[in-house]
Amino acid sequence: MLRIRFLRVGKKNRPSFRLVVTPQRSAPKTGKFLELLGFYDPIQHIREFKKDRITYWLSQGASPSDSVRNMLIVEGVIDGEKISVHNKAKAKKE
């Protein structure tokens, strides 16, 4: 199963993320991925995605992570409702 997820790059206290396609069981820090689909800079609020490649991978059965899914909905790449990401972390602690 393939997963579309963020891969953190950048310096300490200066995060930047790549949007990559990777096998679901591989650790995100390994740096091994199948394809680079875009990037996101939360400091400068810059987002750039390859929409045609994202739709291709979604049609091939890749599933986006919750954070990626929310961002793709905001950008208009996919349709649907956003998922509450922060409530899941609180629910696990309880």
N, C-alpha and C. Protein backbone atom coordinates (compact mmCIF):
# COMPACT_ATOMS: atom_id res chain seq x y z
N MET A 1 0.84 -1.18 0.00
CA MET A 1 0.00 0.00 0.00
C MET A 1 0.89 1.24 0.00
N LEU A 2 0.52 2.19 -0.82
CA LEU A 2 1.29 3.43 -0.93
C LEU A 2 0.63 4.54 -0.13
N ARG A 3 1.45 5.47 0.31
CA ARG A 3 0.97 6.57 1.13
C ARG A 3 1.55 7.88 0.59
N ILE A 4 0.73 8.91 0.52
CA ILE A 4 1.19 10.25 0.19
C ILE A 4 1.33 10.98 1.53
N ARG A 5 2.55 11.40 1.84
CA ARG A 5 2.80 12.00 3.15
C ARG A 5 3.84 13.11 3.05
N PHE A 6 3.99 13.84 4.15
CA PHE A 6 5.00 14.88 4.24
C PHE A 6 6.32 14.26 4.68
N LEU A 7 7.40 14.77 4.13
CA LEU A 7 8.75 14.41 4.55
C LEU A 7 9.42 15.69 5.00
N ARG A 8 9.78 15.76 6.28
CA ARG A 8 10.34 17.00 6.82
C ARG A 8 11.79 17.17 6.38
N VAL A 9 12.06 18.34 5.84
CA VAL A 9 13.42 18.73 5.48
C VAL A 9 13.65 20.13 6.03
N GLY A 10 14.85 20.61 5.97
CA GLY A 10 15.12 21.97 6.46
C GLY A 10 15.95 21.95 7.72
N LYS A 11 16.27 23.12 8.16
CA LYS A 11 17.12 23.28 9.34
C LYS A 11 16.30 23.21 10.62
N LYS A 12 17.01 23.22 11.74
CA LYS A 12 16.37 23.23 13.04
C LYS A 12 15.61 24.54 13.21
N ASN A 13 14.39 24.47 13.72
CA ASN A 13 13.50 25.61 13.91
C ASN A 13 13.13 26.30 12.60
N ARG A 14 13.32 25.66 11.48
CA ARG A 14 13.00 26.22 10.16
C ARG A 14 12.45 25.09 9.29
N PRO A 15 11.25 24.57 9.63
CA PRO A 15 10.76 23.40 8.92
C PRO A 15 10.35 23.71 7.49
N SER A 16 10.49 22.71 6.68
CA SER A 16 10.01 22.72 5.31
C SER A 16 9.66 21.27 4.99
N PHE A 17 8.65 21.06 4.19
CA PHE A 17 8.17 19.71 3.95
C PHE A 17 8.11 19.40 2.46
N ARG A 18 8.45 18.18 2.11
CA ARG A 18 8.25 17.67 0.76
C ARG A 18 7.02 16.77 0.79
N LEU A 19 6.27 16.78 -0.28
CA LEU A 19 5.13 15.89 -0.44
C LEU A 19 5.59 14.73 -1.30
N VAL A 20 5.61 13.52 -0.73
CA VAL A 20 6.19 12.37 -1.43
C VAL A 20 5.24 11.18 -1.41
N VAL A 21 5.48 10.26 -2.34
CA VAL A 21 4.78 8.97 -2.36
C VAL A 21 5.78 7.94 -1.85
N THR A 22 5.37 7.18 -0.84
CA THR A 22 6.26 6.22 -0.22
C THR A 22 5.45 4.99 0.21
N PRO A 23 6.09 3.84 0.34
CA PRO A 23 5.37 2.69 0.90
C PRO A 23 4.91 3.00 2.32
N GLN A 24 3.75 2.51 2.69
CA GLN A 24 3.15 2.86 3.97
C GLN A 24 3.99 2.41 5.15
N ARG A 25 4.67 1.31 5.04
CA ARG A 25 5.42 0.77 6.17
C ARG A 25 6.81 1.38 6.34
N SER A 26 7.27 2.16 5.36
CA SER A 26 8.61 2.72 5.49
C SER A 26 8.58 3.94 6.40
N ALA A 27 9.67 4.14 7.12
CA ALA A 27 9.77 5.27 8.04
C ALA A 27 9.97 6.55 7.23
N PRO A 28 9.35 7.65 7.64
CA PRO A 28 9.49 8.88 6.87
C PRO A 28 10.90 9.45 6.87
N LYS A 29 11.70 9.17 7.88
CA LYS A 29 13.04 9.74 7.97
C LYS A 29 14.06 9.04 7.09
N THR A 30 13.71 7.89 6.48
CA THR A 30 14.68 7.18 5.65
C THR A 30 15.06 7.97 4.41
N GLY A 31 14.15 8.80 3.91
CA GLY A 31 14.44 9.59 2.73
C GLY A 31 14.18 8.85 1.43
N LYS A 32 13.73 7.61 1.53
CA LYS A 32 13.44 6.82 0.32
C LYS A 32 11.98 7.02 -0.06
N PHE A 33 11.76 7.45 -1.27
CA PHE A 33 10.40 7.64 -1.74
C PHE A 33 10.35 7.37 -3.23
N LEU A 34 9.14 7.17 -3.75
CA LEU A 34 8.97 6.84 -5.16
C LEU A 34 8.96 8.08 -6.04
N GLU A 35 8.26 9.12 -5.58
CA GLU A 35 8.17 10.33 -6.40
C GLU A 35 7.95 11.55 -5.52
N LEU A 36 8.54 12.65 -5.93
CA LEU A 36 8.37 13.93 -5.26
C LEU A 36 7.19 14.64 -5.92
N LEU A 37 6.17 14.99 -5.11
CA LEU A 37 4.94 15.57 -5.65
C LEU A 37 4.80 17.06 -5.38
N GLY A 38 5.67 17.64 -4.58
CA GLY A 38 5.58 19.06 -4.29
C GLY A 38 6.26 19.39 -2.98
N PHE A 39 6.03 20.61 -2.52
CA PHE A 39 6.61 21.03 -1.25
C PHE A 39 5.69 22.01 -0.55
N TYR A 40 5.96 22.20 0.74
CA TYR A 40 5.18 23.11 1.58
C TYR A 40 6.12 23.78 2.56
N ASP A 41 6.09 25.11 2.60
CA ASP A 41 6.89 25.89 3.54
C ASP A 41 5.92 26.59 4.49
N PRO A 42 5.77 26.11 5.73
CA PRO A 42 4.81 26.72 6.65
C PRO A 42 5.23 28.09 7.17
N ILE A 43 6.51 28.42 7.11
CA ILE A 43 6.98 29.72 7.59
C ILE A 43 6.56 30.83 6.63
N GLN A 44 6.79 30.61 5.34
CA GLN A 44 6.45 31.61 4.32
C GLN A 44 5.10 31.36 3.67
N HIS A 45 4.41 30.31 4.08
CA HIS A 45 3.09 29.94 3.55
C HIS A 45 3.13 29.72 2.04
N ILE A 46 4.13 28.97 1.58
CA ILE A 46 4.27 28.64 0.16
C ILE A 46 3.90 27.17 -0.03
N ARG A 47 3.01 26.92 -0.97
CA ARG A 47 2.62 25.55 -1.32
C ARG A 47 2.73 25.39 -2.82
N GLU A 48 3.33 24.31 -3.24
CA GLU A 48 3.41 24.02 -4.66
C GLU A 48 3.27 22.51 -4.84
N PHE A 49 2.24 22.11 -5.57
CA PHE A 49 1.96 20.69 -5.77
C PHE A 49 1.82 20.38 -7.25
N LYS A 50 2.18 19.16 -7.62
CA LYS A 50 1.95 18.66 -8.98
C LYS A 50 0.59 17.97 -8.97
N LYS A 51 -0.45 18.71 -9.31
CA LYS A 51 -1.82 18.20 -9.17
C LYS A 51 -2.09 16.99 -10.05
N ASP A 52 -1.55 16.98 -11.27
CA ASP A 52 -1.80 15.86 -12.16
C ASP A 52 -1.17 14.57 -11.63
N ARG A 53 0.03 14.67 -11.05
CA ARG A 53 0.68 13.48 -10.49
C ARG A 53 0.00 13.00 -9.22
N ILE A 54 -0.53 13.94 -8.43
CA ILE A 54 -1.25 13.56 -7.22
C ILE A 54 -2.51 12.79 -7.58
N THR A 55 -3.25 13.28 -8.56
CA THR A 55 -4.47 12.56 -8.98
C THR A 55 -4.12 11.21 -9.58
N TYR A 56 -2.97 11.11 -10.27
CA TYR A 56 -2.53 9.83 -10.81
C TYR A 56 -2.29 8.83 -9.68
N TRP A 57 -1.54 9.23 -8.67
CA TRP A 57 -1.24 8.31 -7.57
C TRP A 57 -2.48 7.95 -6.77
N LEU A 58 -3.39 8.90 -6.62
CA LEU A 58 -4.65 8.57 -5.93
C LEU A 58 -5.46 7.56 -6.73
N SER A 59 -5.42 7.65 -8.05
CA SER A 59 -6.14 6.68 -8.89
C SER A 59 -5.48 5.31 -8.85
N GLN A 60 -4.19 5.26 -8.54
CA GLN A 60 -3.47 4.00 -8.43
C GLN A 60 -3.64 3.34 -7.05
N GLY A 61 -4.34 4.00 -6.15
CA GLY A 61 -4.63 3.40 -4.85
C GLY A 61 -3.84 3.97 -3.69
N ALA A 62 -3.03 4.99 -3.91
CA ALA A 62 -2.29 5.61 -2.81
C ALA A 62 -3.26 6.40 -1.94
N SER A 63 -3.06 6.32 -0.63
CA SER A 63 -3.94 7.06 0.28
C SER A 63 -3.14 8.17 0.95
N PRO A 64 -3.71 9.36 1.03
CA PRO A 64 -2.99 10.46 1.68
C PRO A 64 -3.09 10.37 3.20
N SER A 65 -2.08 10.89 3.88
CA SER A 65 -2.17 11.00 5.33
C SER A 65 -3.23 12.05 5.66
N ASP A 66 -3.64 12.13 6.90
CA ASP A 66 -4.71 13.05 7.28
C ASP A 66 -4.32 14.51 7.03
N SER A 67 -3.10 14.88 7.37
CA SER A 67 -2.65 16.26 7.16
C SER A 67 -2.56 16.59 5.68
N VAL A 68 -2.06 15.65 4.89
CA VAL A 68 -1.96 15.87 3.45
C VAL A 68 -3.35 15.96 2.85
N ARG A 69 -4.27 15.11 3.29
CA ARG A 69 -5.64 15.14 2.79
C ARG A 69 -6.27 16.51 3.04
N ASN A 70 -6.10 17.06 4.24
CA ASN A 70 -6.66 18.37 4.56
C ASN A 70 -6.07 19.45 3.66
N MET A 71 -4.77 19.39 3.40
CA MET A 71 -4.14 20.39 2.57
C MET A 71 -4.59 20.27 1.11
N LEU A 72 -4.78 19.06 0.63
CA LEU A 72 -5.24 18.87 -0.75
C LEU A 72 -6.68 19.35 -0.92
N ILE A 73 -7.48 19.23 0.11
CA ILE A 73 -8.85 19.74 0.06
C ILE A 73 -8.84 21.26 0.01
N VAL A 74 -7.98 21.89 0.80
CA VAL A 74 -7.88 23.35 0.80
C VAL A 74 -7.41 23.85 -0.57
N GLU A 75 -6.46 23.15 -1.19
CA GLU A 75 -5.93 23.55 -2.48
C GLU A 75 -6.88 23.22 -3.64
N GLY A 76 -7.90 22.41 -3.39
CA GLY A 76 -8.86 22.07 -4.44
C GLY A 76 -8.44 20.92 -5.32
N VAL A 77 -7.46 20.14 -4.89
CA VAL A 77 -7.01 19.00 -5.67
C VAL A 77 -8.02 17.86 -5.56
N ILE A 78 -8.54 17.63 -4.35
CA ILE A 78 -9.56 16.61 -4.12
C ILE A 78 -10.76 17.24 -3.43
N ASP A 79 -11.87 16.54 -3.48
CA ASP A 79 -13.09 16.99 -2.81
C ASP A 79 -13.32 16.15 -1.57
N GLY A 80 -14.02 16.72 -0.61
CA GLY A 80 -14.35 16.00 0.60
C GLY A 80 -14.33 16.92 1.80
N GLU A 81 -14.52 16.30 2.96
CA GLU A 81 -14.49 17.05 4.21
C GLU A 81 -13.14 16.89 4.88
N LYS A 82 -12.71 17.94 5.57
CA LYS A 82 -11.45 17.88 6.28
C LYS A 82 -11.58 16.98 7.50
N ILE A 83 -10.46 16.39 7.90
CA ILE A 83 -10.40 15.50 9.05
C ILE A 83 -9.75 16.26 10.20
N SER A 84 -10.32 16.14 11.38
CA SER A 84 -9.75 16.79 12.55
C SER A 84 -8.52 15.99 12.99
N VAL A 85 -7.35 16.55 12.81
CA VAL A 85 -6.10 15.86 13.10
C VAL A 85 -5.74 15.95 14.57
N HIS A 86 -5.93 17.10 15.18
CA HIS A 86 -5.51 17.30 16.56
C HIS A 86 -6.37 16.55 17.55
N ASN A 87 -7.62 16.30 17.24
CA ASN A 87 -8.49 15.58 18.18
C ASN A 87 -8.06 14.13 18.32
N LYS A 88 -7.43 13.54 17.30
CA LYS A 88 -6.97 12.16 17.39
C LYS A 88 -5.87 12.03 18.43
N ALA A 89 -4.97 12.99 18.50
CA ALA A 89 -3.89 12.94 19.47
C ALA A 89 -4.42 13.04 20.89
N LYS A 90 -5.43 13.88 21.09
CA LYS A 90 -6.02 14.00 22.41
C LYS A 90 -6.77 12.75 22.80
N ALA A 91 -7.43 12.10 21.85
CA ALA A 91 -8.19 10.89 22.13
C ALA A 91 -7.26 9.73 22.52
N LYS A 92 -6.06 9.68 21.93
CA LYS A 92 -5.12 8.60 22.27
C LYS A 92 -4.61 8.74 23.71
N LYS A 93 -4.43 9.99 24.19
CA LYS A 93 -3.92 10.19 25.54
C LYS A 93 -4.94 9.76 26.59
N GLU A 94 -6.22 9.91 26.28
CA GLU A 94 -7.27 9.56 27.23
C GLU A 94 -7.50 8.10 27.21
